[in-house]
Amino acid sequence: MIKYVNINIERIKSIAFNPETNGGKAILCQDLLIRMKNIKEEEGLSESNFVFLQNTQTGEIKMKIV
């Protein structure tokens, strides 16, 4: 069974804009933040409508809208 843990938005921002973060992970998080911003503007949502989940085995991060 794949287990995901919740990651808060502040953690995503720290990964995305930390110069010491592995490049691929930083780019992924920046992309998620850009998509979140666009969806917020288009749909009139707030940050509380977004949940970030990380796979505990692979480190994969997903964004869900609730």
N, C-alpha and C. Protein backbone atom coordinates (compact mmCIF):
# COMPACT_ATOMS: atom_id res chain seq x y z
N MET A 1 0.84 -1.18 0.00
CA MET A 1 0.00 0.00 0.00
C MET A 1 0.89 1.25 0.00
N ILE A 2 0.54 2.20 -0.85
CA ILE A 2 1.30 3.45 -0.93
C ILE A 2 0.78 4.40 0.13
N LYS A 3 1.70 4.96 0.91
CA LYS A 3 1.32 5.88 1.97
C LYS A 3 1.78 7.29 1.60
N TYR A 4 0.87 8.25 1.75
CA TYR A 4 1.18 9.65 1.51
C TYR A 4 1.06 10.42 2.81
N VAL A 5 1.91 11.42 2.97
CA VAL A 5 1.82 12.30 4.14
C VAL A 5 1.55 13.71 3.65
N ASN A 6 0.85 14.47 4.46
CA ASN A 6 0.50 15.84 4.13
C ASN A 6 1.72 16.75 4.33
N ILE A 7 1.96 17.63 3.36
CA ILE A 7 3.03 18.62 3.46
C ILE A 7 2.37 19.99 3.41
N ASN A 8 2.75 20.88 4.30
CA ASN A 8 2.12 22.21 4.29
C ASN A 8 2.74 23.09 3.21
N ILE A 9 2.04 24.14 2.86
CA ILE A 9 2.45 25.05 1.78
C ILE A 9 3.80 25.70 2.08
N GLU A 10 4.07 25.97 3.34
CA GLU A 10 5.35 26.60 3.70
C GLU A 10 6.52 25.69 3.36
N ARG A 11 6.35 24.40 3.56
CA ARG A 11 7.40 23.42 3.22
C ARG A 11 7.63 23.38 1.71
N ILE A 12 6.55 23.42 0.94
CA ILE A 12 6.66 23.44 -0.52
C ILE A 12 7.43 24.68 -0.97
N LYS A 13 7.11 25.83 -0.39
CA LYS A 13 7.80 27.07 -0.73
C LYS A 13 9.28 27.01 -0.36
N SER A 14 9.58 26.42 0.79
CA SER A 14 10.99 26.34 1.20
C SER A 14 11.79 25.43 0.28
N ILE A 15 11.18 24.36 -0.20
CA ILE A 15 11.86 23.47 -1.16
C ILE A 15 12.05 24.19 -2.49
N ALA A 16 11.01 24.89 -2.94
CA ALA A 16 11.03 25.52 -4.25
C ALA A 16 12.06 26.63 -4.37
N PHE A 17 12.27 27.39 -3.29
CA PHE A 17 13.11 28.57 -3.39
C PHE A 17 14.42 28.47 -2.60
N ASN A 18 14.76 27.28 -2.12
CA ASN A 18 16.02 27.06 -1.43
C ASN A 18 17.09 26.73 -2.46
N PRO A 19 18.14 27.56 -2.55
CA PRO A 19 19.16 27.31 -3.58
C PRO A 19 19.91 25.99 -3.40
N GLU A 20 19.85 25.40 -2.22
CA GLU A 20 20.55 24.13 -1.97
C GLU A 20 19.69 22.91 -2.27
N THR A 21 18.43 23.12 -2.66
CA THR A 21 17.53 22.01 -2.97
C THR A 21 17.95 21.36 -4.27
N ASN A 22 17.83 20.05 -4.32
CA ASN A 22 18.09 19.33 -5.56
C ASN A 22 17.27 19.97 -6.67
N GLY A 23 17.89 20.32 -7.79
CA GLY A 23 17.26 21.06 -8.88
C GLY A 23 15.93 20.52 -9.35
N GLY A 24 15.82 19.22 -9.56
CA GLY A 24 14.57 18.65 -10.06
C GLY A 24 13.43 18.83 -9.09
N LYS A 25 13.68 18.66 -7.82
CA LYS A 25 12.63 18.80 -6.82
C LYS A 25 12.21 20.26 -6.69
N ALA A 26 13.16 21.19 -6.77
CA ALA A 26 12.85 22.61 -6.69
C ALA A 26 11.99 23.04 -7.86
N ILE A 27 12.33 22.57 -9.06
CA ILE A 27 11.56 22.91 -10.26
C ILE A 27 10.15 22.35 -10.16
N LEU A 28 10.00 21.12 -9.67
CA LEU A 28 8.69 20.52 -9.47
C LEU A 28 7.85 21.37 -8.53
N CYS A 29 8.42 21.77 -7.41
CA CYS A 29 7.67 22.56 -6.44
C CYS A 29 7.33 23.94 -6.98
N GLN A 30 8.23 24.54 -7.75
CA GLN A 30 7.94 25.83 -8.37
C GLN A 30 6.78 25.68 -9.35
N ASP A 31 6.78 24.59 -10.11
CA ASP A 31 5.70 24.33 -11.06
C ASP A 31 4.37 24.16 -10.33
N LEU A 32 4.38 23.44 -9.22
CA LEU A 32 3.15 23.27 -8.43
C LEU A 32 2.64 24.62 -7.92
N LEU A 33 3.54 25.47 -7.47
CA LEU A 33 3.13 26.78 -6.96
C LEU A 33 2.57 27.66 -8.08
N ILE A 34 3.15 27.59 -9.26
CA ILE A 34 2.64 28.36 -10.40
C ILE A 34 1.25 27.86 -10.78
N ARG A 35 1.09 26.53 -10.84
CA ARG A 35 -0.23 25.98 -11.15
C ARG A 35 -1.25 26.35 -10.10
N MET A 36 -0.85 26.30 -8.83
CA MET A 36 -1.74 26.67 -7.75
C MET A 36 -2.19 28.13 -7.90
N LYS A 37 -1.25 29.02 -8.20
CA LYS A 37 -1.58 30.43 -8.37
C LYS A 37 -2.58 30.63 -9.51
N ASN A 38 -2.35 29.97 -10.64
CA ASN A 38 -3.25 30.09 -11.78
C ASN A 38 -4.64 29.56 -11.47
N ILE A 39 -4.71 28.42 -10.81
CA ILE A 39 -6.01 27.84 -10.45
C ILE A 39 -6.73 28.73 -9.45
N LYS A 40 -5.98 29.28 -8.48
CA LYS A 40 -6.60 30.18 -7.50
C LYS A 40 -7.25 31.36 -8.19
N GLU A 41 -6.56 31.97 -9.15
CA GLU A 41 -7.09 33.12 -9.87
C GLU A 41 -8.29 32.75 -10.73
N GLU A 42 -8.20 31.62 -11.45
CA GLU A 42 -9.27 31.20 -12.35
C GLU A 42 -10.53 30.76 -11.61
N GLU A 43 -10.34 30.05 -10.52
CA GLU A 43 -11.48 29.44 -9.81
C GLU A 43 -11.90 30.22 -8.56
N GLY A 44 -11.13 31.24 -8.19
CA GLY A 44 -11.47 32.00 -6.99
C GLY A 44 -11.26 31.21 -5.70
N LEU A 45 -10.23 30.39 -5.66
CA LEU A 45 -9.96 29.56 -4.49
C LEU A 45 -8.91 30.22 -3.60
N SER A 46 -8.72 29.66 -2.42
CA SER A 46 -7.67 30.14 -1.51
C SER A 46 -6.66 29.02 -1.27
N GLU A 47 -5.57 29.36 -0.58
CA GLU A 47 -4.54 28.34 -0.31
C GLU A 47 -5.09 27.18 0.50
N SER A 48 -6.11 27.42 1.30
CA SER A 48 -6.66 26.34 2.12
C SER A 48 -7.38 25.29 1.29
N ASN A 49 -7.66 25.58 0.02
CA ASN A 49 -8.30 24.61 -0.86
C ASN A 49 -7.31 23.62 -1.47
N PHE A 50 -6.01 23.81 -1.21
CA PHE A 50 -4.98 22.97 -1.80
C PHE A 50 -4.30 22.13 -0.73
N VAL A 51 -4.09 20.85 -1.06
CA VAL A 51 -3.41 19.92 -0.18
C VAL A 51 -2.24 19.32 -0.96
N PHE A 52 -1.09 19.27 -0.31
CA PHE A 52 0.09 18.68 -0.93
C PHE A 52 0.41 17.38 -0.21
N LEU A 53 0.60 16.32 -0.98
CA LEU A 53 0.85 15.00 -0.43
C LEU A 53 2.17 14.47 -0.97
N GLN A 54 2.93 13.82 -0.09
CA GLN A 54 4.21 13.24 -0.51
C GLN A 54 4.20 11.75 -0.26
N ASN A 55 4.60 10.99 -1.27
CA ASN A 55 4.74 9.54 -1.17
C ASN A 55 5.92 9.26 -0.25
N THR A 56 5.69 8.50 0.81
CA THR A 56 6.75 8.24 1.79
C THR A 56 7.86 7.34 1.24
N GLN A 57 7.57 6.56 0.21
CA GLN A 57 8.58 5.66 -0.35
C GLN A 57 9.42 6.32 -1.43
N THR A 58 8.78 7.08 -2.33
CA THR A 58 9.50 7.64 -3.48
C THR A 58 9.80 9.14 -3.33
N GLY A 59 9.10 9.84 -2.45
CA GLY A 59 9.29 11.28 -2.30
C GLY A 59 8.46 12.08 -3.28
N GLU A 60 7.69 11.41 -4.15
CA GLU A 60 6.85 12.09 -5.13
C GLU A 60 5.87 13.02 -4.40
N ILE A 61 5.67 14.22 -4.94
CA ILE A 61 4.75 15.20 -4.34
C ILE A 61 3.60 15.42 -5.30
N LYS A 62 2.37 15.39 -4.75
CA LYS A 62 1.16 15.63 -5.53
C LYS A 62 0.39 16.79 -4.93
N MET A 63 -0.34 17.51 -5.80
CA MET A 63 -1.21 18.58 -5.34
C MET A 63 -2.64 18.17 -5.58
N LYS A 64 -3.47 18.32 -4.57
CA LYS A 64 -4.90 18.00 -4.69
C LYS A 64 -5.70 19.25 -4.33
N ILE A 65 -6.85 19.40 -4.98
CA ILE A 65 -7.75 20.51 -4.66
C ILE A 65 -8.93 19.92 -3.89
N VAL A 66 -9.20 20.53 -2.76
CA VAL A 66 -10.32 20.07 -1.92
C VAL A 66 -11.35 21.15 -1.74
